[in-house]
């Protein structure tokens, strides 16, 4: 069951990754034919929010859920960016604690990879 939840979350994260705003997400589900007949983009967006495009309302991501998914996505990106530096920092502290001779090869490697 936990795998199903994770896969659904990943699907939703992937669905919002291409869009900067909720309006862009809604617009992606509006067809040119919809715009032609409705003649109002806001009305078309409301219909998408209500689930009249793309299956059901359960398939459409709400504005609040979109904001939450974007926050998760940004947190995930910042963690992936910062995690290697945190690991190197912890390794550095451990090696410095061991003694002077043990840390210099690591220091050269870390400087080469711009981790320190």
C-alpha atoms as a PDB file:
ATOM      1  CA  UNK A   1       0.000   0.000   0.000  1.00  0.00           C
ATOM      2  CA  UNK A   2       2.833   2.397   0.813  1.00  0.00           C
ATOM      3  CA  UNK A   3       4.308   1.762  -2.636  1.00  0.00           C
ATOM      4  CA  UNK A   4       0.984   2.749  -4.205  1.00  0.00           C
ATOM      5  CA  UNK A   5       0.960   6.015  -2.254  1.00  0.00           C
ATOM      6  CA  UNK A   6       4.565   6.729  -3.251  1.00  0.00           C
ATOM      7  CA  UNK A   7       3.868   5.993  -6.908  1.00  0.00           C
ATOM      8  CA  UNK A   8       0.777   8.235  -6.893  1.00  0.00           C
ATOM      9  CA  UNK A   9       2.790  11.018  -5.264  1.00  0.00           C
ATOM     10  CA  UNK A  10       5.552  10.613  -7.851  1.00  0.00           C
ATOM     11  CA  UNK A  11       2.966  10.744 -10.652  1.00  0.00           C
ATOM     12  CA  UNK A  12       1.512  13.945  -9.251  1.00  0.00           C
ATOM     13  CA  UNK A  13       4.965  15.468  -8.758  1.00  0.00           C
ATOM     14  CA  UNK A  14       5.765  14.648 -12.361  1.00  0.00           C
ATOM     15  CA  UNK A  15       2.458  16.153 -13.475  1.00  0.00           C
ATOM     16  CA  UNK A  16       3.227  19.517 -11.857  1.00  0.00           C
ATOM     17  CA  UNK A  17       6.946  19.623 -12.645  1.00  0.00           C
ATOM     18  CA  UNK A  18       6.431  21.187 -16.070  1.00  0.00           C
ATOM     19  CA  UNK A  19       4.333  24.092 -14.806  1.00  0.00           C
ATOM     20  CA  UNK A  20       5.317  27.233 -12.933  1.00  0.00           C
ATOM     21  CA  UNK A  21       1.766  28.161 -11.943  1.00  0.00           C
ATOM     22  CA  UNK A  22      -1.559  26.491 -11.321  1.00  0.00           C
ATOM     23  CA  UNK A  23      -3.073  28.407 -14.228  1.00  0.00           C
ATOM     24  CA  UNK A  24      -0.469  26.913 -16.586  1.00  0.00           C
ATOM     25  CA  UNK A  25      -1.412  23.467 -15.297  1.00  0.00           C
ATOM     26  CA  UNK A  26      -5.108  24.123 -15.967  1.00  0.00           C
ATOM     27  CA  UNK A  27      -4.370  25.634 -19.387  1.00  0.00           C
ATOM     28  CA  UNK A  28      -2.463  22.498 -20.383  1.00  0.00           C
ATOM     29  CA  UNK A  29      -5.685  20.517 -20.093  1.00  0.00           C
ATOM     30  CA  UNK A  30      -7.739  22.933 -22.217  1.00  0.00           C
ATOM     31  CA  UNK A  31      -7.985  22.044 -25.887  1.00  0.00           C
ATOM     32  CA  UNK A  32      -8.212  24.672 -28.658  1.00  0.00           C
ATOM     33  CA  UNK A  33     -11.671  23.312 -29.421  1.00  0.00           C
ATOM     34  CA  UNK A  34     -12.721  24.014 -25.816  1.00  0.00           C
ATOM     35  CA  UNK A  35     -11.568  27.622 -26.153  1.00  0.00           C
ATOM     36  CA  UNK A  36     -13.385  27.964 -29.453  1.00  0.00           C
ATOM     37  CA  UNK A  37     -16.751  26.860 -28.087  1.00  0.00           C
ATOM     38  CA  UNK A  38     -16.502  28.407 -24.617  1.00  0.00           C
ATOM     39  CA  UNK A  39     -14.903  31.691 -25.792  1.00  0.00           C
ATOM     40  CA  UNK A  40     -13.718  32.293 -22.218  1.00  0.00           C
ATOM     41  CA  UNK A  41     -10.451  30.982 -20.812  1.00  0.00           C
ATOM     42  CA  UNK A  42     -11.511  31.494 -17.188  1.00  0.00           C
ATOM     43  CA  UNK A  43     -14.657  29.426 -17.720  1.00  0.00           C
ATOM     44  CA  UNK A  44     -12.573  26.694 -19.339  1.00  0.00           C
ATOM     45  CA  UNK A  45     -10.237  26.706 -16.310  1.00  0.00           C
ATOM     46  CA  UNK A  46     -13.185  26.425 -13.938  1.00  0.00           C
ATOM     47  CA  UNK A  47     -14.521  23.453 -15.876  1.00  0.00           C
ATOM     48  CA  UNK A  48     -11.124  21.752 -15.655  1.00  0.00           C
ATOM     49  CA  UNK A  49     -11.044  22.398 -11.888  1.00  0.00           C
ATOM     50  CA  UNK A  50     -14.485  20.812 -11.567  1.00  0.00           C
ATOM     51  CA  UNK A  51     -13.280  17.697 -13.366  1.00  0.00           C
ATOM     52  CA  UNK A  52     -15.030  18.104 -16.706  1.00  0.00           C
ATOM     53  CA  UNK A  53     -11.733  17.663 -18.526  1.00  0.00           C
ATOM     54  CA  UNK A  54      -9.375  14.753 -17.919  1.00  0.00           C
ATOM     55  CA  UNK A  55     -11.732  12.243 -16.357  1.00  0.00           C
ATOM     56  CA  UNK A  56     -12.978  13.198 -12.918  1.00  0.00           C
ATOM     57  CA  UNK A  57     -12.421  15.794 -10.247  1.00  0.00           C
ATOM     58  CA  UNK A  58     -10.278  13.227  -8.421  1.00  0.00           C
ATOM     59  CA  UNK A  59      -7.866  13.288 -11.391  1.00  0.00           C
ATOM     60  CA  UNK A  60      -7.577  17.088 -11.326  1.00  0.00           C
ATOM     61  CA  UNK A  61      -5.117  18.560  -8.867  1.00  0.00           C
ATOM     62  CA  UNK A  62      -6.564  21.321  -6.682  1.00  0.00           C
ATOM     63  CA  UNK A  63      -4.845  24.675  -6.230  1.00  0.00           C
ATOM     64  CA  UNK A  64      -3.853  23.804  -2.645  1.00  0.00           C
ATOM     65  CA  UNK A  65      -2.523  20.400  -3.665  1.00  0.00           C
ATOM     66  CA  UNK A  66      -0.597  22.006  -6.541  1.00  0.00           C
ATOM     67  CA  UNK A  67       1.060  24.465  -4.118  1.00  0.00           C
ATOM     68  CA  UNK A  68       1.902  21.619  -1.731  1.00  0.00           C
ATOM     69  CA  UNK A  69       3.379  19.499  -4.541  1.00  0.00           C
ATOM     70  CA  UNK A  70       5.489  22.442  -5.754  1.00  0.00           C
ATOM     71  CA  UNK A  71       6.784  22.912  -2.199  1.00  0.00           C
ATOM     72  CA  UNK A  72       7.668  19.200  -1.969  1.00  0.00           C
ATOM     73  CA  UNK A  73       9.371  19.429  -5.339  1.00  0.00           C
ATOM     74  CA  UNK A  74      11.410  22.482  -4.316  1.00  0.00           C
ATOM     75  CA  UNK A  75      12.367  20.867  -0.992  1.00  0.00           C
ATOM     76  CA  UNK A  76      13.449  17.734  -2.847  1.00  0.00           C
ATOM     77  CA  UNK A  77      15.609  19.763  -5.263  1.00  0.00           C
ATOM     78  CA  UNK A  78      17.250  21.759  -2.479  1.00  0.00           C
ATOM     79  CA  UNK A  79      17.959  18.576  -0.506  1.00  0.00           C
ATOM     80  CA  UNK A  80      19.526  16.918  -3.552  1.00  0.00           C
ATOM     81  CA  UNK A  81      21.671  20.006  -4.014  1.00  0.00           C
ATOM     82  CA  UNK A  82      22.738  20.295  -0.373  1.00  0.00           C
ATOM     83  CA  UNK A  83      23.038  16.613   0.616  1.00  0.00           C
ATOM     84  CA  UNK A  84      26.478  16.011  -0.942  1.00  0.00           C
ATOM     85  CA  UNK A  85      27.875  19.097   0.801  1.00  0.00           C
ATOM     86  CA  UNK A  86      26.458  17.946   4.130  1.00  0.00           C
ATOM     87  CA  UNK A  87      27.973  14.490   3.650  1.00  0.00           C
ATOM     88  CA  UNK A  88      31.370  15.927   2.740  1.00  0.00           C
ATOM     89  CA  UNK A  89      31.204  18.259   5.712  1.00  0.00           C
ATOM     90  CA  UNK A  90      30.497  15.326   8.059  1.00  0.00           C
ATOM     91  CA  UNK A  91      33.317  13.280   6.514  1.00  0.00           C
ATOM     92  CA  UNK A  92      35.662  16.249   6.859  1.00  0.00           C
ATOM     93  CA  UNK A  93      34.892  16.626  10.569  1.00  0.00           C
ATOM     94  CA  UNK A  94      35.427  12.891  11.087  1.00  0.00           C
ATOM     95  CA  UNK A  95      38.768  12.854   9.276  1.00  0.00           C
ATOM     96  CA  UNK A  96      40.074  15.962  11.013  1.00  0.00           C
ATOM     97  CA  UNK A  97      39.255  14.278  14.305  1.00  0.00           C
ATOM     98  CA  UNK A  98      41.369  11.248  13.313  1.00  0.00           C
ATOM     99  CA  UNK A  99      44.575  13.189  12.743  1.00  0.00           C
ATOM    100  CA  UNK A 100      46.484  15.450  10.398  1.00  0.00           C
ATOM    101  CA  UNK A 101      47.755  12.745   8.045  1.00  0.00           C
ATOM    102  CA  UNK A 102      44.381  11.219   7.266  1.00  0.00           C
ATOM    103  CA  UNK A 103      42.548  14.262   5.958  1.00  0.00           C
ATOM    104  CA  UNK A 104      44.790  15.773   3.260  1.00  0.00           C
ATOM    105  CA  UNK A 105      43.890  13.351   0.384  1.00  0.00           C
ATOM    106  CA  UNK A 106      40.239  13.929   1.159  1.00  0.00           C
ATOM    107  CA  UNK A 107      40.797  17.704   1.242  1.00  0.00           C
ATOM    108  CA  UNK A 108      42.352  17.601  -2.227  1.00  0.00           C
ATOM    109  CA  UNK A 109      39.468  15.524  -3.558  1.00  0.00           C
ATOM    110  CA  UNK A 110      36.873  17.800  -1.954  1.00  0.00           C
ATOM    111  CA  UNK A 111      38.536  20.935  -3.346  1.00  0.00           C
ATOM    112  CA  UNK A 112      38.669  19.364  -6.800  1.00  0.00           C
ATOM    113  CA  UNK A 113      34.944  18.611  -6.652  1.00  0.00           C
ATOM    114  CA  UNK A 114      34.158  21.977  -5.010  1.00  0.00           C
ATOM    115  CA  UNK A 115      32.619  20.423  -1.950  1.00  0.00           C
ATOM    116  CA  UNK A 116      34.588  22.418   0.624  1.00  0.00           C
END
